[in-house]
Amino acid sequence: MNALGAFFNWLGEFFAFIMAPLWNHADRMQKVSRLLLHCFAIMMLVGLLVWLSQRPVFTLRQVMIEPVVGQTLKHINKPTVKQQVLETVQGNFFSVRLEDVKRGFESMPWVRHANVRRVWPNGLVVSIEEQKAFATWDGVDSQKLMNNHGEIFSGRLAEVPDGTRLVDFNGPDDAGKEVMRLYEKANTWFKPWDAEVKSLILSDRYAWHVKLSNGMKLEFGRDEESSDKTLTEERVSRLFKYWPQVQEKWPNRVDAVDLRYANGFAVHLASANIKKDEVDDKKSERKQ
């Protein structure tokens, strides 16, 4: 017992030594008291804010959907979408995750981008940029379209507004931007013919061919992947240089040109009644 008593006596002296510097100084005690009061006040304030944030007045009740500047919404059914958001969104005005709402909208067909912001005290405003169909992708029955940014999205041809002229594109699923780039280059190349690209197909090997609005078809190889980035442009320039001679020999009869040759090009004649020597000419490479 003497040993146990000695231990408790030592423990008491130890705590007295530790605490003595605090309670023996009034200014330190005042500072600690103020700190504790401040902590208590902050905890009460946080608790009050949490309680207020859960009040029914902050339950999301309004979702306003608007187009971005310069657009009108043609494919978004506002009442249906509003109801869908109110039924699926989690949280209230304070706790709702705007990024989740944004992703939900952008997963809808015909929505390219969505911007979501809060409106006091229980509303959301969603600004939507709709997709603008520029081309079909993999055929008119594929339910895939491309916008003018080279992005492929889900959409049916029947949903495209009447009178919209679409280009026909085809290629690997990850090659949308590459197809758009080739389309823009080809459109620039054939302006002297007053023709536009109506369709463009890119193969899995990245060879490509186009069809122009004047009915002409043109075959290209994989030159865009080579170290010489101007190779295809040089072949197009050669075509324009010798095109008057081709037209002089076969006026209005050429419906396709093959530009995959290194030193010339080959032409295909549309007429079924072609003389034998003309067949030989069109199959052979024009050496220039």
Foldseek 3Di string as FASTA:
>chain_A
DVVVVVVVVVVVVVVCVVCVVQVVDPVNVVVVVVVVVVVVVVVVVVVVVVVVQPDPQQAADAEAEEEDPPDDDQPDDVVVVGVVCSVPFDDTLPPTDQVVVFVVVCVDFQFPGWDWDGDPRTYIYIYTYGAQFAAAEPDQPPQWTAGLQLDITGHHPVSHDPPHQHAYEYEDPVCSNVQSVVQVVVQVLCVVVVWHWRYKYAYPQRWIKTAIPVQAIETGGNCCPDPPNCQQVVLSVQCVVCVVVVCVVPPPFWRYKYSHDRAAIATDGNDPPDDPVVVVRRPDGDGD
